[in-house]
Amino acid sequence: MAEPDVSSVLEAIAARRPDAECLVSSAGRRAWADLTDRTRRLANHLIGHGLGCHTERERLAGHESGQDHLAIYLHNGSEYLECLVGAIKARVAPVNVNYRYVAGELRHLLSDSGASAIVVHSALAPTLAAVRSDVPGLRLVLQVPDDSGHDLLPGAVWYEDALAAAAAHRPEVRWNPDDLYVLYTGGTTGPPKGVLWRNGDAMVECFGGSPGATDVAGFVAEADVGFRGLVTPPLMHGAAQWAALRILLSGGTVFVGSRPERLDPADVWLTVERERIDLLLIAGDAFAGLLLDELDRRRYDTSSLNVVLSGGALLSPHHKRALLAHLPTAMIVDGLGSSEAGGQLTDVSTAGGVAPAGFPPRGGNHVLSAGRDRALQPGDDELGWLAKSGRLALGYLGDAAATARTYPVVGGRRYAVPGDRARLRPDGSIELCGRDAVTIVSGGEKIFGEEVEAAMKIHPAVYDCVVTGRPSRRWGDEVVAVVQCRPGRDVSPTELLDAAAERLARYKLPKAVVFVDRVERSPSGKADYRWARELVARTARP
């Protein structure tokens, strides 16, 4: 039996429900037949410009690509998902681009990814224009109009004109589960890296498809959940792409907010109420806090909501409790994953109780020793590395050394080790300690910033908090908390530290607290640690 691939599965689902809605955004309401037509046209346009697969997967190493790459430089909208799917149908690898990048960052990503084509919103066109001459391999530009009013870039084609002129027949290529889905990391702790996935593996490990289906028919037979899902984080980030494709692969409908460039809490809850949304994707505390504030201000009908799925950023227990107080019939699913390993761990909280700290055991997840030379067993009291086996990404684009470090082979088994430190408890559950890249070594002790952040956020005056380190003559590095207070709430550093001391050992407590009007986070809710480090460095004591 042929292994399922994304293109074949989505076309088969569309054939079963051509008139059902599948995409709702500010561009309108589109049925499955529309998605098929538009993604075929995009694929044929790309193929007509000579783009596609030039070297088959079996002839390549894990860090190599034999395909052309389509950079998707867009705000949220139906076009984003059309480009993801249409590229794969052309055997072109889609590449996500952060729309907040300045010119230098955009230049680096387009060069690093080797993008041959790009789809860009007009609002972002000036940044692309500033670097285009530095990316000679970029030979095709499609532009999506928006409220900015910017003119068409020289040599570019309007997106809708390209689709209208392209053929609507099924692309004359052989779809392959080996074809790539490329996801660039967020770059919050270092330069972004392109993670290469076979789309057949990504469909299961990232997009939540059936792990047991051995062909397209088997996959489609299980695609009758039909979620009505609202995706609030930017689609340029993995968690949002994965959730959107999971909804489509369930035969459901993806809803995109009418404010594509930012989270509008009122728009979110009005959409839930009007469209009877049953699945809502958020990104951790940053999104939960804004949405809770809106629920405190106004009453909405949220009775249709069955699942609130959080991914891509930490969701604190107190935010889970507050959400459940407003949504007593919903379940809160807190998902942990990474660009390199796909979905990894989940816990579920309901009105009956918030999940305890730690994640229950789940097949394919492991903790490797600190030296990455053996898999730990329940009862091993060692701080190790969260790891995953099974279907994994192939590697980092163009970087054989980083691929070897992140995907070690231990005892004959290949693992993904994205960089999270963890302990394996005696009962087999996993205690996640924090990202190694943002660990602070102070006085010879390793301190995980996320653990300190969670303790600081317990205080009712704290709206948001990021913890980082700064150089110290005494400690080497000292822990500093950057705190945003709730409006109208004042609190002293001593009060915050006394409250945190009830949950943390004294050596983990911040040596200083810096108050800010707003904690900077990425549009996906991830903490901006580079910003925090630069901020606390400017406030260093002499």
Protein backbone atom coordinates (compact mmCIF):
# COMPACT_ATOMS: atom_id res chain seq x y z
CA MET A 1 0.00 0.00 0.00
CA ALA A 2 1.17 3.53 -0.81
CA GLU A 3 2.02 5.71 2.18
CA PRO A 4 -0.41 8.66 2.45
CA ASP A 5 0.78 12.12 1.47
CA VAL A 6 -0.72 15.52 2.29
CA SER A 7 -1.88 16.36 -1.24
CA SER A 8 -3.65 13.06 -1.89
CA VAL A 9 -5.38 13.06 1.49
CA LEU A 10 -6.70 16.62 1.18
CA GLU A 11 -7.92 15.99 -2.36
CA ALA A 12 -9.71 12.83 -1.21
CA ILE A 13 -11.38 14.68 1.66
CA ALA A 14 -12.45 17.44 -0.74
CA ALA A 15 -13.96 14.86 -3.10
CA ARG A 16 -16.15 13.58 -0.25
CA ARG A 17 -17.43 17.01 0.83
CA PRO A 18 -16.92 19.46 -2.07
CA ASP A 19 -19.60 21.93 -0.96
CA ALA A 20 -18.78 21.99 2.76
CA GLU A 21 -16.92 25.00 4.11
CA CYS A 22 -13.25 24.55 4.87
CA LEU A 23 -11.75 28.09 5.14
CA VAL A 24 -13.35 31.21 6.59
CA SER A 25 -11.43 34.48 6.74
CA SER A 26 -11.72 38.15 5.85
CA ALA A 27 -11.41 37.01 2.21
CA GLY A 28 -14.72 35.17 2.51
CA ARG A 29 -16.03 31.64 2.99
CA ARG A 30 -14.45 28.95 0.86
CA ALA A 31 -15.66 25.41 0.30
CA TRP A 32 -13.51 22.32 -0.14
CA ALA A 33 -14.04 22.48 -3.90
CA ASP A 34 -12.66 26.04 -3.83
CA LEU A 35 -9.59 24.93 -1.88
CA THR A 36 -8.93 22.18 -4.43
CA ASP A 37 -9.35 24.56 -7.37
CA ARG A 38 -7.18 27.34 -5.94
CA THR A 39 -4.35 25.12 -4.69
CA ARG A 40 -4.24 23.26 -8.02
CA ARG A 41 -4.02 26.58 -9.85
CA LEU A 42 -1.22 27.78 -7.59
CA ALA A 43 0.63 24.51 -8.06
CA ASN A 44 0.29 24.72 -11.83
CA HIS A 45 1.52 28.32 -11.80
CA LEU A 46 4.64 27.27 -9.88
CA ILE A 47 5.22 24.27 -12.14
CA GLY A 48 4.80 26.51 -15.19
CA HIS A 49 7.76 28.56 -13.95
CA GLY A 50 9.93 25.47 -13.76
CA LEU A 51 9.62 24.96 -10.00
CA GLY A 52 9.32 21.55 -8.38
CA CYS A 53 11.41 18.58 -7.28
CA HIS A 54 14.73 18.14 -9.04
CA THR A 55 16.40 15.42 -6.93
CA GLU A 56 14.45 12.63 -5.24
CA ARG A 57 14.76 12.11 -1.51
CA GLU A 58 16.56 8.77 -1.59
CA ARG A 59 19.62 10.43 -3.17
CA LEU A 60 19.96 13.08 -0.45
CA ALA A 61 21.29 13.39 3.10
CA GLY A 62 18.98 14.51 5.89
CA HIS A 63 20.15 18.13 5.73
CA GLU A 64 19.71 18.43 1.96
CA SER A 65 16.76 19.47 -0.18
CA GLY A 66 16.25 18.54 -3.80
CA GLN A 67 13.25 20.82 -4.26
CA ASP A 68 12.57 24.46 -4.99
CA HIS A 69 11.32 26.46 -2.00
CA LEU A 70 8.37 28.86 -1.78
CA ALA A 71 8.76 31.50 0.96
CA ILE A 72 5.40 32.43 2.50
CA TYR A 73 5.75 36.03 3.71
CA LEU A 74 2.16 36.71 4.72
CA HIS A 75 -0.06 37.77 7.56
CA ASN A 76 -2.84 35.35 8.52
CA GLY A 77 -5.45 34.64 5.90
CA SER A 78 -6.80 31.95 3.63
CA GLU A 79 -3.94 32.64 1.19
CA TYR A 80 -1.46 31.35 3.76
CA LEU A 81 -3.01 27.90 3.88
CA GLU A 82 -3.52 27.88 0.11
CA CYS A 83 0.21 28.50 -0.32
CA LEU A 84 1.15 25.73 2.12
CA VAL A 85 -1.02 23.20 0.31
CA GLY A 86 -0.47 24.51 -3.22
CA ALA A 87 3.30 24.40 -2.85
CA ILE A 88 3.24 20.78 -1.73
CA LYS A 89 0.97 19.93 -4.68
CA ALA A 90 3.65 21.40 -6.97
CA ARG A 91 6.36 19.36 -5.18
CA VAL A 92 7.75 22.71 -4.00
CA ALA A 93 8.66 22.98 -0.32
CA PRO A 94 6.82 25.73 1.59
CA VAL A 95 8.96 27.91 3.89
CA ASN A 96 7.54 30.10 6.66
CA VAL A 97 8.81 33.68 6.98
CA ASN A 98 8.40 35.82 10.09
CA TYR A 99 6.54 38.96 9.04
CA ARG A 100 8.23 40.95 11.84
CA TYR A 101 11.68 40.55 10.32
CA VAL A 102 13.65 43.67 9.45
CA ALA A 103 15.51 43.75 6.14
CA GLY A 104 18.68 42.05 7.39
CA GLU A 105 16.77 39.18 8.98
CA LEU A 106 14.65 38.71 5.86
CA ARG A 107 17.75 38.70 3.67
CA HIS A 108 19.33 36.01 5.86
CA LEU A 109 16.29 33.75 5.80
CA LEU A 110 15.68 34.01 2.07
CA SER A 111 19.35 33.30 1.40
CA ASP A 112 19.59 30.50 3.95
CA SER A 113 16.46 28.81 2.64
CA GLY A 114 17.45 29.21 -1.01
CA ALA A 115 13.93 30.43 -1.82
CA SER A 116 13.12 30.40 -5.54
CA ALA A 117 9.71 32.05 -5.13
CA ILE A 118 7.86 34.13 -2.58
CA VAL A 119 4.28 35.15 -1.82
CA VAL A 120 4.15 38.51 -0.03
CA HIS A 121 1.44 40.75 1.40
CA SER A 122 1.61 44.30 0.04
CA ALA A 123 2.22 45.71 3.52
CA LEU A 124 5.47 43.73 3.63
CA ALA A 125 6.54 44.50 0.08
CA PRO A 126 8.85 47.45 0.99
CA THR A 127 10.98 45.19 3.20
CA LEU A 128 11.23 42.62 0.42
CA ALA A 129 12.10 45.36 -2.08
CA ALA A 130 14.99 46.45 0.15
CA VAL A 131 16.69 43.04 -0.03
CA ARG A 132 15.53 41.59 -3.33
CA SER A 133 18.68 42.44 -5.25
CA ASP A 134 20.70 40.55 -2.61
CA VAL A 135 18.74 37.32 -3.23
CA PRO A 136 19.39 36.55 -6.92
CA GLY A 137 17.87 33.08 -6.67
CA LEU A 138 14.44 34.59 -5.96
CA ARG A 139 12.93 34.56 -9.43
CA LEU A 140 9.15 34.54 -8.84
CA VAL A 141 7.17 37.01 -6.69
CA LEU A 142 3.42 36.80 -6.12
CA GLN A 143 1.82 39.68 -4.23
CA VAL A 144 -1.36 39.66 -2.16
CA PRO A 145 -3.10 43.07 -1.87
CA ASP A 146 -4.14 44.44 1.52
CA ASP A 147 -5.16 47.71 3.15
CA SER A 148 -1.63 49.17 2.83
CA GLY A 149 -2.27 50.29 -0.72
CA HIS A 150 1.32 49.57 -1.81
CA ASP A 151 1.83 49.15 -5.53
CA LEU A 152 2.80 45.90 -7.20
CA LEU A 153 6.54 45.28 -6.93
CA PRO A 154 8.47 45.46 -10.23
CA GLY A 155 8.35 42.08 -11.92
CA ALA A 156 5.80 40.68 -9.46
CA VAL A 157 2.36 39.28 -10.31
CA TRP A 158 -0.79 39.79 -8.31
CA TYR A 159 -1.68 36.53 -6.57
CA GLU A 160 -5.26 36.41 -7.86
CA ASP A 161 -4.15 37.15 -11.42
CA ALA A 162 -1.68 34.25 -11.25
CA LEU A 163 -4.41 31.87 -10.07
CA ALA A 164 -6.92 33.08 -12.66
CA ALA A 165 -4.45 32.48 -15.52
CA ALA A 166 -3.32 29.04 -14.31
CA ALA A 167 -4.82 25.69 -15.28
CA ALA A 168 -7.31 24.14 -12.86
CA HIS A 169 -6.54 20.48 -13.63
CA ARG A 170 -4.73 18.20 -11.22
CA PRO A 171 -1.01 19.02 -11.42
CA GLU A 172 0.87 16.62 -13.68
CA VAL A 173 3.33 15.50 -11.05
CA ARG A 174 3.44 12.42 -8.86
CA TRP A 175 2.74 13.44 -5.27
CA ASN A 176 5.14 11.90 -2.81
CA PRO A 177 5.18 11.61 1.00
CA ASP A 178 8.96 12.16 0.76
CA ASP A 179 8.44 15.73 -0.45
CA LEU A 180 9.42 18.37 2.07
CA TYR A 181 7.58 20.57 4.51
CA VAL A 182 10.09 23.14 5.80
CA LEU A 183 9.61 24.88 9.13
CA TYR A 184 12.01 27.59 10.26
CA THR A 185 12.53 27.88 14.00
CA GLY A 186 11.49 31.10 15.69
CA GLY A 187 14.99 32.41 16.31
CA THR A 188 14.18 33.51 19.88
CA THR A 189 17.37 31.94 21.26
CA GLY A 190 19.62 31.95 18.18
CA PRO A 191 19.58 32.24 14.37
CA PRO A 192 16.53 30.58 12.79
CA LYS A 193 17.16 27.15 11.26
CA GLY A 194 15.14 25.38 8.60
CA VAL A 195 13.84 22.01 9.81
CA LEU A 196 13.16 19.52 7.01
CA TRP A 197 10.20 17.15 7.34
CA ARG A 198 8.92 14.51 4.96
CA ASN A 199 5.29 15.56 4.52
CA GLY A 200 4.22 11.95 5.16
CA ASP A 201 5.84 12.09 8.60
CA ALA A 202 4.73 15.66 9.34
CA MET A 203 1.15 14.68 8.58
CA VAL A 204 1.21 12.32 11.58
CA GLU A 205 3.69 13.86 14.00
CA CYS A 206 2.93 17.55 13.42
CA PHE A 207 -0.54 17.76 11.91
CA GLY A 208 -2.16 15.15 14.14
CA GLY A 209 -3.15 12.73 11.38
CA SER A 210 -3.89 9.05 11.86
CA PRO A 211 -0.72 7.17 12.88
CA GLY A 212 -2.27 3.85 11.90
CA ALA A 213 -3.51 4.64 8.39
CA THR A 214 -1.46 2.86 5.75
CA ASP A 215 -3.09 4.41 2.68
CA VAL A 216 -5.19 7.40 1.66
CA ALA A 217 -8.50 5.57 2.01
CA GLY A 218 -7.68 4.56 5.57
CA PHE A 219 -6.62 8.07 6.43
CA VAL A 220 -9.75 9.65 4.98
CA ALA A 221 -11.99 7.13 6.74
CA GLU A 222 -10.85 8.64 10.03
CA ALA A 223 -11.21 12.23 8.84
CA ASP A 224 -14.81 12.74 9.92
CA VAL A 225 -14.29 14.69 13.14
CA GLY A 226 -15.02 17.94 11.36
CA PHE A 227 -13.64 20.45 13.86
CA ARG A 228 -14.77 24.05 13.57
CA GLY A 229 -11.48 25.49 14.68
CA LEU A 230 -10.37 29.08 15.22
CA VAL A 231 -6.61 29.60 14.89
CA THR A 232 -5.51 32.76 16.70
CA PRO A 233 -1.65 32.68 16.56
CA PRO A 234 0.18 33.74 13.39
CA LEU A 235 0.29 31.02 10.74
CA MET A 236 3.98 31.79 10.23
CA HIS A 237 4.62 29.72 13.38
CA GLY A 238 4.56 25.96 13.57
CA ALA A 239 1.90 25.55 16.26
CA ALA A 240 -0.62 27.51 14.19
CA GLN A 241 0.21 25.73 10.93
CA TRP A 242 -0.04 22.37 12.64
CA ALA A 243 -3.42 23.14 14.19
CA ALA A 244 -4.83 24.51 10.94
CA LEU A 245 -3.72 21.47 8.96
CA ARG A 246 -5.00 19.20 11.71
CA ILE A 247 -8.43 20.81 11.33
CA LEU A 248 -8.35 20.37 7.56
CA LEU A 249 -7.20 16.76 7.87
CA SER A 250 -10.20 16.15 10.15
CA GLY A 251 -12.48 17.32 7.33
CA GLY A 252 -13.26 20.45 9.32
CA THR A 253 -13.31 24.21 8.86
CA VAL A 254 -10.45 26.59 9.68
CA PHE A 255 -11.45 30.05 10.86
CA VAL A 256 -8.92 32.89 10.75
CA GLY A 257 -9.51 36.07 12.78
CA SER A 258 -10.45 39.26 10.95
CA ARG A 259 -7.42 41.09 12.43
CA PRO A 260 -4.60 39.18 10.72
CA GLU A 261 -1.72 41.18 12.18
CA ARG A 262 -2.62 40.95 15.89
CA LEU A 263 -4.79 39.21 18.47
CA ASP A 264 -8.15 40.94 18.92
CA PRO A 265 -9.78 39.32 21.99
CA ALA A 266 -13.25 40.70 21.25
CA ASP A 267 -13.06 39.41 17.67
CA VAL A 268 -12.01 35.98 18.96
CA TRP A 269 -14.97 35.61 21.32
CA LEU A 270 -17.43 37.09 18.83
CA THR A 271 -16.24 34.54 16.26
CA VAL A 272 -16.62 31.70 18.78
CA GLU A 273 -20.15 32.89 19.52
CA ARG A 274 -21.24 33.56 15.92
CA GLU A 275 -19.64 30.55 14.24
CA ARG A 276 -20.19 28.00 17.04
CA ILE A 277 -16.47 27.26 17.24
CA ASP A 278 -15.65 23.99 19.04
CA LEU A 279 -11.81 24.16 18.97
CA LEU A 280 -9.79 27.26 19.84
CA LEU A 281 -6.02 27.44 19.42
CA ILE A 282 -4.09 29.87 21.62
CA ALA A 283 -0.40 30.32 22.40
CA GLY A 284 0.21 30.19 26.14
CA ASP A 285 -0.07 32.88 28.80
CA ALA A 286 0.27 35.88 26.48
CA PHE A 287 -2.88 34.91 24.58
CA ALA A 288 -4.75 33.54 27.60
CA GLY A 289 -4.27 36.76 29.59
CA LEU A 290 -5.78 38.96 26.87
CA LEU A 291 -8.66 36.58 26.25
CA LEU A 292 -9.43 36.31 29.97
CA ASP A 293 -9.45 40.09 30.34
CA GLU A 294 -12.10 40.27 27.61
CA LEU A 295 -14.21 37.55 29.26
CA ASP A 296 -14.05 39.53 32.50
CA ARG A 297 -15.32 42.64 30.69
CA ARG A 298 -18.16 41.11 28.70
CA ARG A 299 -20.29 37.98 28.56
CA TYR A 300 -20.11 35.83 25.42
CA ASP A 301 -21.86 32.61 24.42
CA THR A 302 -19.01 30.10 24.53
CA SER A 303 -21.18 27.00 25.00
CA SER A 304 -20.03 25.47 21.70
CA LEU A 305 -16.38 25.40 22.76
CA ASN A 306 -15.17 21.89 23.60
CA VAL A 307 -11.39 22.25 23.40
CA VAL A 308 -8.95 25.07 24.08
CA LEU A 309 -5.62 23.91 22.69
CA SER A 310 -2.50 25.79 23.76
CA GLY A 311 0.75 25.29 21.90
CA GLY A 312 4.03 27.04 21.27
CA ALA A 313 4.33 28.78 24.65
CA LEU A 314 3.86 28.08 28.35
CA LEU A 315 0.30 28.05 29.74
CA SER A 316 0.45 28.48 33.52
CA PRO A 317 -1.83 26.52 35.90
CA HIS A 318 -3.50 29.72 37.18
CA HIS A 319 -4.45 30.68 33.62
CA LYS A 320 -5.88 27.19 33.07
CA ARG A 321 -8.02 27.56 36.18
CA ALA A 322 -9.22 31.01 35.10
CA LEU A 323 -10.14 29.73 31.62
CA LEU A 324 -12.04 26.80 33.08
CA ALA A 325 -13.94 29.13 35.41
CA HIS A 326 -15.29 30.86 32.28
CA LEU A 327 -15.49 27.69 30.15
CA PRO A 328 -16.62 24.95 32.58
CA THR A 329 -17.60 22.44 29.87
CA ALA A 330 -14.39 22.75 27.87
CA MET A 331 -11.11 20.90 28.25
CA ILE A 332 -7.78 22.68 28.21
CA VAL A 333 -5.18 20.73 26.24
CA ASP A 334 -1.64 21.95 26.87
CA GLY A 335 0.64 20.67 24.15
CA LEU A 336 4.42 20.58 24.09
CA GLY A 337 6.22 20.13 20.82
CA SER A 338 9.13 21.42 18.80
CA SER A 339 9.99 22.15 15.20
CA GLU A 340 12.52 19.30 15.33
CA ALA A 341 10.37 16.57 16.90
CA GLY A 342 6.75 17.49 16.19
CA GLY A 343 4.15 16.98 18.90
CA GLN A 344 5.60 15.45 22.03
CA LEU A 345 3.72 15.76 25.33
CA THR A 346 0.21 16.82 26.33
CA ASP A 347 -1.78 17.23 29.50
CA VAL A 348 -5.52 17.77 29.81
CA SER A 349 -7.30 19.91 32.38
CA THR A 350 -11.05 20.13 32.97
CA ALA A 351 -13.35 21.76 35.49
CA GLY A 352 -12.77 18.63 37.58
CA GLY A 353 -9.12 19.54 38.06
CA VAL A 354 -6.07 21.13 36.52
CA ALA A 355 -3.43 18.65 35.42
CA PRO A 356 -0.56 18.36 37.91
CA ALA A 357 2.90 19.55 37.04
CA GLY A 358 4.65 17.15 34.72
CA PHE A 359 3.46 15.25 31.67
CA PRO A 360 2.09 11.70 31.60
CA PRO A 361 4.14 9.11 29.70
CA ARG A 362 3.45 8.85 25.98
CA GLY A 363 4.88 6.45 23.44
CA GLY A 364 7.96 7.63 21.62
CA ASN A 365 9.02 10.11 24.30
CA HIS A 366 12.14 9.54 26.36
CA VAL A 367 14.66 11.25 28.59
CA LEU A 368 18.28 10.80 27.54
CA SER A 369 21.15 11.09 30.00
CA ALA A 370 23.07 14.34 30.35
CA GLY A 371 25.75 12.91 28.06
CA ARG A 372 23.13 11.80 25.51
CA ASP A 373 24.58 8.29 25.59
CA ARG A 374 21.72 6.27 27.14
CA ALA A 375 17.97 6.40 27.67
CA LEU A 376 17.08 6.94 31.33
CA GLN A 377 14.71 4.59 33.12
CA PRO A 378 12.03 5.45 35.73
CA GLY A 379 13.84 6.04 38.99
CA ASP A 380 17.06 7.39 37.44
CA ASP A 381 17.54 10.65 39.35
CA GLU A 382 19.42 12.53 36.67
CA LEU A 383 18.74 15.78 34.88
CA GLY A 384 18.67 14.72 31.25
CA TRP A 385 17.31 15.73 27.88
CA LEU A 386 13.77 15.39 26.60
CA ALA A 387 13.96 13.22 23.48
CA LYS A 388 11.70 11.58 20.96
CA SER A 389 11.99 8.55 18.72
CA GLY A 390 9.92 7.30 15.79
CA ARG A 391 8.90 9.60 12.94
CA LEU A 392 11.23 12.58 13.15
CA ALA A 393 12.36 15.47 10.99
CA LEU A 394 15.21 14.73 8.61
CA GLY A 395 17.51 17.50 9.80
CA TYR A 396 18.44 21.18 9.46
CA LEU A 397 18.68 22.60 5.97
CA GLY A 398 22.31 22.93 4.92
CA ASP A 399 23.76 22.07 8.34
CA ALA A 400 25.10 18.53 8.69
CA ALA A 401 26.83 19.24 12.02
CA ALA A 402 23.75 20.66 13.74
CA THR A 403 21.69 17.78 12.34
CA ALA A 404 24.06 15.25 13.89
CA ARG A 405 23.94 17.01 17.28
CA THR A 406 20.16 17.27 17.44
CA TYR A 407 19.45 13.79 16.03
CA PRO A 408 21.90 11.45 17.78
CA VAL A 409 21.77 7.68 17.39
CA VAL A 410 21.85 6.00 20.82
CA GLY A 411 21.78 2.22 21.12
CA GLY A 412 20.87 1.89 17.46
CA ARG A 413 17.85 4.21 17.77
CA ARG A 414 17.62 7.70 16.28
CA TYR A 415 16.35 10.42 18.60
CA ALA A 416 15.42 14.08 18.31
CA VAL A 417 16.83 16.18 21.16
CA PRO A 418 15.52 19.72 20.62
CA GLY A 419 17.13 21.19 23.76
CA ASP A 420 14.68 20.84 26.67
CA ARG A 421 16.03 19.57 29.97
CA ALA A 422 13.88 17.02 31.78
CA ARG A 423 13.72 14.37 34.48
CA LEU A 424 12.05 10.98 34.31
CA ARG A 425 10.06 10.41 37.48
CA PRO A 426 9.70 7.00 39.17
CA ASP A 427 6.13 6.67 37.83
CA GLY A 428 7.32 7.24 34.26
CA SER A 429 5.95 10.77 33.98
CA ILE A 430 8.22 13.50 32.63
CA GLU A 431 9.15 16.63 34.55
CA LEU A 432 10.04 19.36 32.10
CA CYS A 433 12.65 21.71 33.56
CA GLY A 434 13.25 24.24 30.80
CA ARG A 435 14.99 25.11 27.59
CA ASP A 436 18.73 24.68 27.87
CA ALA A 437 19.37 27.70 25.64
CA VAL A 438 17.79 30.01 28.25
CA THR A 439 19.23 28.31 31.32
CA ILE A 440 21.07 30.60 33.74
CA VAL A 441 24.17 29.34 35.54
CA SER A 442 24.39 31.37 38.75
CA GLY A 443 26.86 30.59 41.53
CA GLY A 444 27.56 27.24 39.86
CA GLU A 445 23.88 26.21 39.91
CA LYS A 446 21.74 25.68 36.82
CA ILE A 447 18.51 27.65 37.04
CA PHE A 448 15.74 27.22 34.49
CA GLY A 449 14.11 30.51 33.61
CA GLU A 450 10.69 29.02 32.87
CA GLU A 451 10.48 27.56 36.38
CA VAL A 452 11.18 30.97 37.93
CA GLU A 453 8.69 32.65 35.58
CA ALA A 454 5.94 30.27 36.66
CA ALA A 455 6.61 31.01 40.33
CA MET A 456 6.62 34.78 39.78
CA LYS A 457 3.35 34.70 37.83
CA ILE A 458 1.48 33.19 40.76
CA HIS A 459 1.34 36.62 42.45
CA PRO A 460 -2.00 38.24 41.54
CA ALA A 461 -0.34 41.58 40.69
CA VAL A 462 1.79 40.02 37.92
CA TYR A 463 0.38 40.13 34.41
CA ASP A 464 3.45 38.75 32.63
CA CYS A 465 7.04 37.87 33.43
CA VAL A 466 10.21 36.86 31.60
CA VAL A 467 13.32 35.69 33.45
CA THR A 468 16.84 35.99 32.11
CA GLY A 469 20.42 36.34 33.32
CA ARG A 470 22.92 39.17 33.38
CA PRO A 471 26.64 39.17 34.16
CA SER A 472 27.58 39.45 37.83
CA ARG A 473 30.99 39.65 39.48
CA ARG A 474 29.75 37.61 42.42
CA TRP A 475 27.54 35.01 40.74
CA GLY A 476 28.91 34.78 37.21
CA ASP A 477 25.36 35.37 36.03
CA GLU A 478 22.50 36.52 38.21
CA VAL A 479 18.81 35.81 37.74
CA VAL A 480 16.71 38.87 36.85
CA ALA A 481 12.92 38.94 36.48
CA VAL A 482 11.33 41.34 34.01
CA VAL A 483 7.79 41.95 35.27
CA GLN A 484 4.68 43.57 33.80
CA CYS A 485 2.09 44.33 36.48
CA ARG A 486 -1.65 44.28 36.03
CA PRO A 487 -3.23 47.71 35.44
CA GLY A 488 -3.71 49.54 38.70
CA ARG A 489 -1.70 47.04 40.71
CA ASP A 490 1.52 47.99 42.46
CA VAL A 491 3.80 45.49 44.11
CA SER A 492 7.30 45.70 45.53
CA PRO A 493 10.15 43.39 44.53
CA THR A 494 10.24 42.09 48.10
CA GLU A 495 6.58 41.04 47.95
CA LEU A 496 7.13 39.22 44.66
CA LEU A 497 10.21 37.42 45.90
CA ASP A 498 8.54 36.42 49.19
CA ALA A 499 5.66 34.88 47.23
CA ALA A 500 8.00 33.09 44.82
CA ALA A 501 10.06 31.77 47.76
CA GLU A 502 7.10 29.58 48.71
CA ARG A 503 7.68 27.59 45.52
CA LEU A 504 11.39 27.99 44.76
CA ALA A 505 14.63 27.25 46.53
CA ARG A 506 16.30 30.46 47.66
CA TYR A 507 19.18 30.16 45.19
CA LYS A 508 16.71 30.24 42.29
CA LEU A 509 15.10 33.54 43.31
CA PRO A 510 15.82 36.58 41.15
CA LYS A 511 18.55 38.87 42.41
CA ALA A 512 16.68 41.81 40.87
CA VAL A 513 13.27 42.70 39.47
CA VAL A 514 12.89 45.09 36.53
CA PHE A 515 9.40 46.51 36.02
CA VAL A 516 8.25 47.33 32.48
CA ASP A 517 5.06 48.63 30.93
CA ARG A 518 4.95 45.65 28.57
CA VAL A 519 6.83 42.38 28.31
CA GLU A 520 7.92 41.83 24.72
CA ARG A 521 6.82 38.58 23.11
CA SER A 522 6.70 37.29 19.58
CA PRO A 523 3.31 37.21 17.82
CA SER A 524 3.17 33.50 18.71
CA GLY A 525 3.42 34.27 22.43
CA LYS A 526 7.01 33.12 22.85
CA ALA A 527 9.18 35.10 25.25
CA ASP A 528 11.67 37.39 23.54
CA TYR A 529 14.76 36.48 25.56
CA ARG A 530 17.11 38.54 23.43
CA TRP A 531 15.07 41.65 24.24
CA ALA A 532 15.04 40.72 27.94
CA ARG A 533 18.81 40.16 28.05
CA GLU A 534 19.49 43.50 26.39
CA LEU A 535 17.09 45.25 28.75
CA VAL A 536 18.56 43.86 31.97
CA ALA A 537 22.10 44.47 30.71
CA ARG A 538 21.26 48.18 30.51
CA THR A 539 20.07 48.11 34.12
CA ALA A 540 23.14 46.27 35.47
CA ARG A 541 24.51 47.45 38.78
CA PRO A 542 27.97 49.09 38.63
